[in-house]
Amino acid sequence: MLFRSLHRKLIIFWYQMGDRTVASKFEHQWLILKNALIKNKTEASIVRISMPLKDMTKKRVFEIEKNFAKLIIPKLKDYLP
């Protein structure tokens, strides 16, 4: 979760590799290396959701983003490698 005070947005992101979802850049890089060596594949995506804070608290915006993420994660498999 990132918070940009200048633009007043709350940003959440994660890395998607097939059925695997990871938040850690280190784990993401490790999985890419592992897949490259074992499966000869390096396909991965980063998914980012951001929303302006406006008059809402960070906690409320985070809840909205989490709920949105829960809705789109099952559908991402149709569009991401």
PDB file of N, CA and C in Angstrom:
ATOM      1  N   MET A   1       0.858  -1.170   0.000  1.00  0.00           N
ATOM      2  CA  MET A   1       0.000   0.000   0.000  1.00  0.00           C
ATOM      3  C   MET A   1       0.903   1.233   0.000  1.00  0.00           C
ATOM      4  N   LEU A   2       0.654   2.120  -0.922  1.00  0.00           N
ATOM      5  CA  LEU A   2       1.386   3.383  -0.996  1.00  0.00           C
ATOM      6  C   LEU A   2       0.417   4.523  -0.777  1.00  0.00           C
ATOM      7  N   PHE A   3       0.930   5.584  -0.206  1.00  0.00           N
ATOM      8  CA  PHE A   3       0.106   6.780  -0.014  1.00  0.00           C
ATOM      9  C   PHE A   3       0.877   7.953  -0.570  1.00  0.00           C
ATOM     10  N   ARG A   4       0.313   8.640  -1.525  1.00  0.00           N
ATOM     11  CA  ARG A   4       0.959   9.805  -2.111  1.00  0.00           C
ATOM     12  C   ARG A   4       0.250  11.051  -1.611  1.00  0.00           C
ATOM     13  N   SER A   5       0.913  11.792  -0.769  1.00  0.00           N
ATOM     14  CA  SER A   5       0.260  12.942  -0.146  1.00  0.00           C
ATOM     15  C   SER A   5       0.026  14.087  -1.131  1.00  0.00           C
ATOM     16  N   LEU A   6       0.893  14.246  -2.119  1.00  0.00           N
ATOM     17  CA  LEU A   6       0.739  15.337  -3.065  1.00  0.00           C
ATOM     18  C   LEU A   6      -0.544  15.187  -3.885  1.00  0.00           C
ATOM     19  N   HIS A   7      -0.820  13.980  -4.345  1.00  0.00           N
ATOM     20  CA  HIS A   7      -1.990  13.733  -5.178  1.00  0.00           C
ATOM     21  C   HIS A   7      -3.170  13.194  -4.372  1.00  0.00           C
ATOM     22  N   ARG A   8      -2.942  12.888  -3.121  1.00  0.00           N
ATOM     23  CA  ARG A   8      -3.984  12.378  -2.233  1.00  0.00           C
ATOM     24  C   ARG A   8      -4.657  11.137  -2.807  1.00  0.00           C
ATOM     25  N   LYS A   9      -3.825  10.147  -3.152  1.00  0.00           N
ATOM     26  CA  LYS A   9      -4.316   8.869  -3.652  1.00  0.00           C
ATOM     27  C   LYS A   9      -3.799   7.756  -2.762  1.00  0.00           C
ATOM     28  N   LEU A  10      -4.575   6.718  -2.670  1.00  0.00           N
ATOM     29  CA  LEU A  10      -4.126   5.504  -1.997  1.00  0.00           C
ATOM     30  C   LEU A  10      -3.943   4.453  -3.083  1.00  0.00           C
ATOM     31  N   ILE A  11      -2.767   3.846  -3.121  1.00  0.00           N
ATOM     32  CA  ILE A  11      -2.426   2.905  -4.184  1.00  0.00           C
ATOM     33  C   ILE A  11      -2.109   1.552  -3.557  1.00  0.00           C
ATOM     34  N   ILE A  12      -2.732   0.512  -4.098  1.00  0.00           N
ATOM     35  CA  ILE A  12      -2.361  -0.851  -3.725  1.00  0.00           C
ATOM     36  C   ILE A  12      -1.892  -1.545  -5.005  1.00  0.00           C
ATOM     37  N   PHE A  13      -0.932  -2.455  -4.851  1.00  0.00           N
ATOM     38  CA  PHE A  13      -0.460  -3.187  -6.020  1.00  0.00           C
ATOM     39  C   PHE A  13       0.077  -4.536  -5.598  1.00  0.00           C
ATOM     40  N   TRP A  14       0.153  -5.429  -6.577  1.00  0.00           N
ATOM     41  CA  TRP A  14       0.716  -6.751  -6.360  1.00  0.00           C
ATOM     42  C   TRP A  14       1.214  -7.282  -7.688  1.00  0.00           C
ATOM     43  N   TYR A  15       1.994  -8.351  -7.609  1.00  0.00           N
ATOM     44  CA  TYR A  15       2.526  -9.017  -8.789  1.00  0.00           C
ATOM     45  C   TYR A  15       1.718 -10.284  -9.022  1.00  0.00           C
ATOM     46  N   GLN A  16       1.375 -10.524 -10.271  1.00  0.00           N
ATOM     47  CA  GLN A  16       0.572 -11.687 -10.636  1.00  0.00           C
ATOM     48  C   GLN A  16       1.385 -12.533 -11.608  1.00  0.00           C
ATOM     49  N   MET A  17       1.534 -13.808 -11.261  1.00  0.00           N
ATOM     50  CA  MET A  17       2.236 -14.756 -12.128  1.00  0.00           C
ATOM     51  C   MET A  17       1.371 -16.005 -12.237  1.00  0.00           C
ATOM     52  N   GLY A  18       0.538 -16.058 -13.260  1.00  0.00           N
ATOM     53  CA  GLY A  18      -0.392 -17.171 -13.388  1.00  0.00           C
ATOM     54  C   GLY A  18      -1.350 -17.163 -12.220  1.00  0.00           C
ATOM     55  N   ASP A  19      -1.378 -18.257 -11.471  1.00  0.00           N
ATOM     56  CA  ASP A  19      -2.255 -18.355 -10.300  1.00  0.00           C
ATOM     57  C   ASP A  19      -1.616 -17.775  -9.037  1.00  0.00           C
ATOM     58  N   ARG A  20      -0.348 -17.388  -9.122  1.00  0.00           N
ATOM     59  CA  ARG A  20       0.364 -16.874  -7.953  1.00  0.00           C
ATOM     60  C   ARG A  20       0.194 -15.370  -7.832  1.00  0.00           C
ATOM     61  N   THR A  21      -0.085 -14.918  -6.627  1.00  0.00           N
ATOM     62  CA  THR A  21      -0.185 -13.502  -6.314  1.00  0.00           C
ATOM     63  C   THR A  21       0.802 -13.214  -5.195  1.00  0.00           C
ATOM     64  N   VAL A  22       1.701 -12.258  -5.434  1.00  0.00           N
ATOM     65  CA  VAL A  22       2.682 -11.903  -4.406  1.00  0.00           C
ATOM     66  C   VAL A  22       2.776 -10.387  -4.287  1.00  0.00           C
ATOM     67  N   ALA A  23       3.053  -9.916  -3.094  1.00  0.00           N
ATOM     68  CA  ALA A  23       3.184  -8.483  -2.844  1.00  0.00           C
ATOM     69  C   ALA A  23       4.648  -8.054  -2.750  1.00  0.00           C
ATOM     70  N   SER A  24       5.525  -8.998  -2.506  1.00  0.00           N
ATOM     71  CA  SER A  24       6.944  -8.697  -2.308  1.00  0.00           C
ATOM     72  C   SER A  24       7.694  -8.690  -3.644  1.00  0.00           C
ATOM     73  N   LYS A  25       8.419  -7.597  -3.902  1.00  0.00           N
ATOM     74  CA  LYS A  25       9.205  -7.522  -5.130  1.00  0.00           C
ATOM     75  C   LYS A  25      10.295  -8.591  -5.130  1.00  0.00           C
ATOM     76  N   PHE A  26      10.895  -8.839  -3.968  1.00  0.00           N
ATOM     77  CA  PHE A  26      11.934  -9.865  -3.869  1.00  0.00           C
ATOM     78  C   PHE A  26      11.370 -11.239  -4.217  1.00  0.00           C
ATOM     79  N   GLU A  27      10.212 -11.576  -3.657  1.00  0.00           N
ATOM     80  CA  GLU A  27       9.595 -12.877  -3.959  1.00  0.00           C
ATOM     81  C   GLU A  27       9.215 -12.960  -5.434  1.00  0.00           C
ATOM     82  N   HIS A  28       8.728 -11.862  -5.985  1.00  0.00           N
ATOM     83  CA  HIS A  28       8.368 -11.806  -7.401  1.00  0.00           C
ATOM     84  C   HIS A  28       9.589 -12.098  -8.271  1.00  0.00           C
ATOM     85  N   GLN A  29      10.707 -11.452  -7.977  1.00  0.00           N
ATOM     86  CA  GLN A  29      11.927 -11.661  -8.756  1.00  0.00           C
ATOM     87  C   GLN A  29      12.441 -13.091  -8.603  1.00  0.00           C
ATOM     88  N   TRP A  30      12.353 -13.638  -7.403  1.00  0.00           N
ATOM     89  CA  TRP A  30      12.767 -15.014  -7.172  1.00  0.00           C
ATOM     90  C   TRP A  30      11.912 -15.978  -8.007  1.00  0.00           C
ATOM     91  N   LEU A  31      10.601 -15.760  -8.030  1.00  0.00           N
ATOM     92  CA  LEU A  31       9.720 -16.633  -8.800  1.00  0.00           C
ATOM     93  C   LEU A  31       9.978 -16.532 -10.305  1.00  0.00           C
ATOM     94  N   ILE A  32      10.291 -15.318 -10.778  1.00  0.00           N
ATOM     95  CA  ILE A  32      10.630 -15.168 -12.201  1.00  0.00           C
ATOM     96  C   ILE A  32      11.896 -15.959 -12.520  1.00  0.00           C
ATOM     97  N   LEU A  33      12.904 -15.848 -11.682  1.00  0.00           N
ATOM     98  CA  LEU A  33      14.143 -16.596 -11.887  1.00  0.00           C
ATOM     99  C   LEU A  33      13.884 -18.099 -11.863  1.00  0.00           C
ATOM    100  N   LYS A  34      13.140 -18.544 -10.868  1.00  0.00           N
ATOM    101  CA  LYS A  34      12.821 -19.967 -10.739  1.00  0.00           C
ATOM    102  C   LYS A  34      12.067 -20.478 -11.972  1.00  0.00           C
ATOM    103  N   ASN A  35      11.038 -19.734 -12.402  1.00  0.00           N
ATOM    104  CA  ASN A  35      10.266 -20.134 -13.580  1.00  0.00           C
ATOM    105  C   ASN A  35      11.118 -20.112 -14.846  1.00  0.00           C
ATOM    106  N   ALA A  36      12.040 -19.157 -14.932  1.00  0.00           N
ATOM    107  CA  ALA A  36      12.925 -19.086 -16.097  1.00  0.00           C
ATOM    108  C   ALA A  36      13.812 -20.325 -16.171  1.00  0.00           C
ATOM    109  N   LEU A  37      14.321 -20.751 -15.040  1.00  0.00           N
ATOM    110  CA  LEU A  37      15.214 -21.910 -15.013  1.00  0.00           C
ATOM    111  C   LEU A  37      14.468 -23.232 -15.204  1.00  0.00           C
ATOM    112  N   ILE A  38      13.299 -23.349 -14.581  1.00  0.00           N
ATOM    113  CA  ILE A  38      12.577 -24.619 -14.609  1.00  0.00           C
ATOM    114  C   ILE A  38      11.639 -24.738 -15.811  1.00  0.00           C
ATOM    115  N   LYS A  39      10.884 -23.702 -16.082  1.00  0.00           N
ATOM    116  CA  LYS A  39       9.845 -23.769 -17.118  1.00  0.00           C
ATOM    117  C   LYS A  39      10.184 -22.976 -18.381  1.00  0.00           C
ATOM    118  N   ASN A  40      11.311 -22.260 -18.352  1.00  0.00           N
ATOM    119  CA  ASN A  40      11.703 -21.397 -19.469  1.00  0.00           C
ATOM    120  C   ASN A  40      10.643 -20.327 -19.749  1.00  0.00           C
ATOM    121  N   LYS A  41       9.989 -19.823 -18.683  1.00  0.00           N
ATOM    122  CA  LYS A  41       8.981 -18.776 -18.800  1.00  0.00           C
ATOM    123  C   LYS A  41       9.309 -17.647 -17.826  1.00  0.00           C
ATOM    124  N   THR A  42       9.067 -16.418 -18.273  1.00  0.00           N
ATOM    125  CA  THR A  42       9.292 -15.262 -17.387  1.00  0.00           C
ATOM    126  C   THR A  42       8.080 -14.326 -17.388  1.00  0.00           C
ATOM    127  N   GLU A  43       6.932 -14.855 -17.708  1.00  0.00           N
ATOM    128  CA  GLU A  43       5.727 -14.034 -17.783  1.00  0.00           C
ATOM    129  C   GLU A  43       5.249 -13.620 -16.396  1.00  0.00           C
ATOM    130  N   ALA A  44       4.958 -12.333 -16.252  1.00  0.00           N
ATOM    131  CA  ALA A  44       4.447 -11.812 -14.991  1.00  0.00           C
ATOM    132  C   ALA A  44       3.785 -10.467 -15.254  1.00  0.00           C
ATOM    133  N   SER A  45       2.941 -10.051 -14.340  1.00  0.00           N
ATOM    134  CA  SER A  45       2.242  -8.773 -14.459  1.00  0.00           C
ATOM    135  C   SER A  45       2.244  -8.071 -13.112  1.00  0.00           C
ATOM    136  N   ILE A  46       2.125  -6.761 -13.167  1.00  0.00           N
ATOM    137  CA  ILE A  46       1.907  -5.986 -11.952  1.00  0.00           C
ATOM    138  C   ILE A  46       0.497  -5.403 -12.056  1.00  0.00           C
ATOM    139  N   VAL A  47      -0.252  -5.532 -10.983  1.00  0.00           N
ATOM    140  CA  VAL A  47      -1.619  -5.018 -10.948  1.00  0.00           C
ATOM    141  C   VAL A  47      -1.640  -3.871  -9.944  1.00  0.00           C
ATOM    142  N   ARG A  48      -2.188  -2.759 -10.365  1.00  0.00           N
ATOM    143  CA  ARG A  48      -2.208  -1.568  -9.514  1.00  0.00           C
ATOM    144  C   ARG A  48      -3.624  -1.000  -9.474  1.00  0.00           C
ATOM    145  N   ILE A  49      -4.072  -0.676  -8.268  1.00  0.00           N
ATOM    146  CA  ILE A  49      -5.370  -0.036  -8.072  1.00  0.00           C
ATOM    147  C   ILE A  49      -5.118   1.242  -7.282  1.00  0.00           C
ATOM    148  N   SER A  50      -5.624   2.357  -7.784  1.00  0.00           N
ATOM    149  CA  SER A  50      -5.470   3.610  -7.048  1.00  0.00           C
ATOM    150  C   SER A  50      -6.800   4.342  -7.023  1.00  0.00           C
ATOM    151  N   MET A  51      -6.961   5.117  -5.979  1.00  0.00           N
ATOM    152  CA  MET A  51      -8.211   5.842  -5.796  1.00  0.00           C
ATOM    153  C   MET A  51      -7.925   7.132  -5.032  1.00  0.00           C
ATOM    154  N   PRO A  52      -8.505   8.242  -5.471  1.00  0.00           N
ATOM    155  CA  PRO A  52      -8.312   9.491  -4.726  1.00  0.00           C
ATOM    156  C   PRO A  52      -8.973   9.421  -3.352  1.00  0.00           C
ATOM    157  N   LEU A  53      -8.348  10.060  -2.397  1.00  0.00           N
ATOM    158  CA  LEU A  53      -8.901  10.045  -1.042  1.00  0.00           C
ATOM    159  C   LEU A  53     -10.110  10.965  -0.898  1.00  0.00           C
ATOM    160  N   LYS A  54     -10.041  12.122  -1.518  1.00  0.00           N
ATOM    161  CA  LYS A  54     -11.108  13.126  -1.407  1.00  0.00           C
ATOM    162  C   LYS A  54     -11.509  13.326   0.044  1.00  0.00           C
ATOM    163  N   ASP A  55     -12.780  13.084   0.382  1.00  0.00           N
ATOM    164  CA  ASP A  55     -13.248  13.327   1.754  1.00  0.00           C
ATOM    165  C   ASP A  55     -13.313  12.057   2.597  1.00  0.00           C
ATOM    166  N   MET A  56     -12.723  10.967   2.105  1.00  0.00           N
ATOM    167  CA  MET A  56     -12.772   9.701   2.837  1.00  0.00           C
ATOM    168  C   MET A  56     -11.468   9.463   3.588  1.00  0.00           C
ATOM    169  N   THR A  57     -11.532   8.632   4.607  1.00  0.00           N
ATOM    170  CA  THR A  57     -10.330   8.260   5.345  1.00  0.00           C
ATOM    171  C   THR A  57      -9.543   7.231   4.547  1.00  0.00           C
ATOM    172  N   LYS A  58      -8.257   7.100   4.874  1.00  0.00           N
ATOM    173  CA  LYS A  58      -7.421   6.085   4.217  1.00  0.00           C
ATOM    174  C   LYS A  58      -7.994   4.696   4.439  1.00  0.00           C
ATOM    175  N   LYS A  59      -8.493   4.468   5.635  1.00  0.00           N
ATOM    176  CA  LYS A  59      -9.055   3.154   5.962  1.00  0.00           C
ATOM    177  C   LYS A  59     -10.250   2.829   5.065  1.00  0.00           C
ATOM    178  N   ARG A  60     -11.129   3.783   4.845  1.00  0.00           N
ATOM    179  CA  ARG A  60     -12.318   3.564   4.011  1.00  0.00           C
ATOM    180  C   ARG A  60     -11.928   3.334   2.548  1.00  0.00           C
ATOM    181  N   VAL A  61     -10.988   4.132   2.046  1.00  0.00           N
ATOM    182  CA  VAL A  61     -10.531   3.962   0.668  1.00  0.00           C
ATOM    183  C   VAL A  61      -9.866   2.597   0.505  1.00  0.00           C
ATOM    184  N   PHE A  62      -9.072   2.193   1.486  1.00  0.00           N
ATOM    185  CA  PHE A  62      -8.416   0.882   1.431  1.00  0.00           C
ATOM    186  C   PHE A  62      -9.454  -0.237   1.381  1.00  0.00           C
ATOM    187  N   GLU A  63     -10.506  -0.136   2.156  1.00  0.00           N
ATOM    188  CA  GLU A  63     -11.574  -1.145   2.132  1.00  0.00           C
ATOM    189  C   GLU A  63     -12.240  -1.210   0.758  1.00  0.00           C
ATOM    190  N   ILE A  64     -12.487  -0.059   0.147  1.00  0.00           N
ATOM    191  CA  ILE A  64     -13.094  -0.025  -1.186  1.00  0.00           C
ATOM    192  C   ILE A  64     -12.166  -0.686  -2.203  1.00  0.00           C
ATOM    193  N   GLU A  65     -10.878  -0.353  -2.136  1.00  0.00           N
ATOM    194  CA  GLU A  65      -9.911  -0.948  -3.061  1.00  0.00           C
ATOM    195  C   GLU A  65      -9.792  -2.457  -2.861  1.00  0.00           C
ATOM    196  N   LYS A  66      -9.787  -2.891  -1.600  1.00  0.00           N
ATOM    197  CA  LYS A  66      -9.728  -4.334  -1.323  1.00  0.00           C
ATOM    198  C   LYS A  66     -10.928  -5.054  -1.904  1.00  0.00           C
ATOM    199  N   ASN A  67     -12.118  -4.488  -1.720  1.00  0.00           N
ATOM    200  CA  ASN A  67     -13.333  -5.114  -2.255  1.00  0.00           C
ATOM    201  C   ASN A  67     -13.302  -5.162  -3.780  1.00  0.00           C
ATOM    202  N   PHE A  68     -12.802  -4.103  -4.409  1.00  0.00           N
ATOM    203  CA  PHE A  68     -12.671  -4.087  -5.854  1.00  0.00           C
ATOM    204  C   PHE A  68     -11.683  -5.163  -6.312  1.00  0.00           C
ATOM    205  N   ALA A  69     -10.560  -5.274  -5.603  1.00  0.00           N
ATOM    206  CA  ALA A  69      -9.559  -6.286  -5.941  1.00  0.00           C
ATOM    207  C   ALA A  69     -10.151  -7.687  -5.860  1.00  0.00           C
ATOM    208  N   LYS A  70     -10.958  -7.938  -4.837  1.00  0.00           N
ATOM    209  CA  LYS A  70     -11.604  -9.257  -4.707  1.00  0.00           C
ATOM    210  C   LYS A  70     -12.497  -9.561  -5.897  1.00  0.00           C
ATOM    211  N   LEU A  71     -13.108  -8.528  -6.465  1.00  0.00           N
ATOM    212  CA  LEU A  71     -13.974  -8.720  -7.633  1.00  0.00           C
ATOM    213  C   LEU A  71     -13.185  -9.002  -8.907  1.00  0.00           C
ATOM    214  N   ILE A  72     -12.050  -8.336  -9.073  1.00  0.00           N
ATOM    215  CA  ILE A  72     -11.337  -8.478 -10.344  1.00  0.00           C
ATOM    216  C   ILE A  72     -10.328  -9.626 -10.380  1.00  0.00           C
ATOM    217  N   ILE A  73      -9.837 -10.052  -9.234  1.00  0.00           N
ATOM    218  CA  ILE A  73      -8.796 -11.102  -9.230  1.00  0.00           C
ATOM    219  C   ILE A  73      -9.241 -12.350  -9.996  1.00  0.00           C
ATOM    220  N   PRO A  74     -10.433 -12.878  -9.790  1.00  0.00           N
ATOM    221  CA  PRO A  74     -10.822 -14.064 -10.565  1.00  0.00           C
ATOM    222  C   PRO A  74     -10.865 -13.817 -12.080  1.00  0.00           C
ATOM    223  N   LYS A  75     -11.153 -12.603 -12.491  1.00  0.00           N
ATOM    224  CA  LYS A  75     -11.256 -12.275 -13.917  1.00  0.00           C
ATOM    225  C   LYS A  75      -9.898 -12.008 -14.553  1.00  0.00           C
ATOM    226  N   LEU A  76      -8.885 -11.688 -13.744  1.00  0.00           N
ATOM    227  CA  LEU A  76      -7.563 -11.396 -14.285  1.00  0.00           C
ATOM    228  C   LEU A  76      -6.967 -12.588 -15.029  1.00  0.00           C
ATOM    229  N   LYS A  77      -7.302 -13.783 -14.602  1.00  0.00           N
ATOM    230  CA  LYS A  77      -6.746 -14.993 -15.230  1.00  0.00           C
ATOM    231  C   LYS A  77      -7.082 -15.058 -16.714  1.00  0.00           C
ATOM    232  N   ASP A  78      -8.164 -14.421 -17.128  1.00  0.00           N
ATOM    233  CA  ASP A  78      -8.555 -14.418 -18.544  1.00  0.00           C
ATOM    234  C   ASP A  78      -7.731 -13.428 -19.370  1.00  0.00           C
ATOM    235  N   TYR A  79      -7.058 -12.492 -18.723  1.00  0.00           N
ATOM    236  CA  TYR A  79      -6.366 -11.427 -19.441  1.00  0.00           C
ATOM    237  C   TYR A  79      -4.858 -11.381 -19.236  1.00  0.00           C
ATOM    238  N   LEU A  80      -4.384 -11.923 -18.127  1.00  0.00           N
ATOM    239  CA  LEU A  80      -2.952 -11.859 -17.837  1.00  0.00           C
ATOM    240  C   LEU A  80      -2.277 -13.193 -18.169  1.00  0.00           C
ATOM    241  N   PRO A  81      -0.971 -13.126 -18.484  1.00  0.00           N
ATOM    242  CA  PRO A  81      -0.253 -14.377 -18.807  1.00  0.00           C
ATOM    243  C   PRO A  81      -0.132 -15.289 -17.597  1.00  0.00           C
TER     244      PRO A  81
END
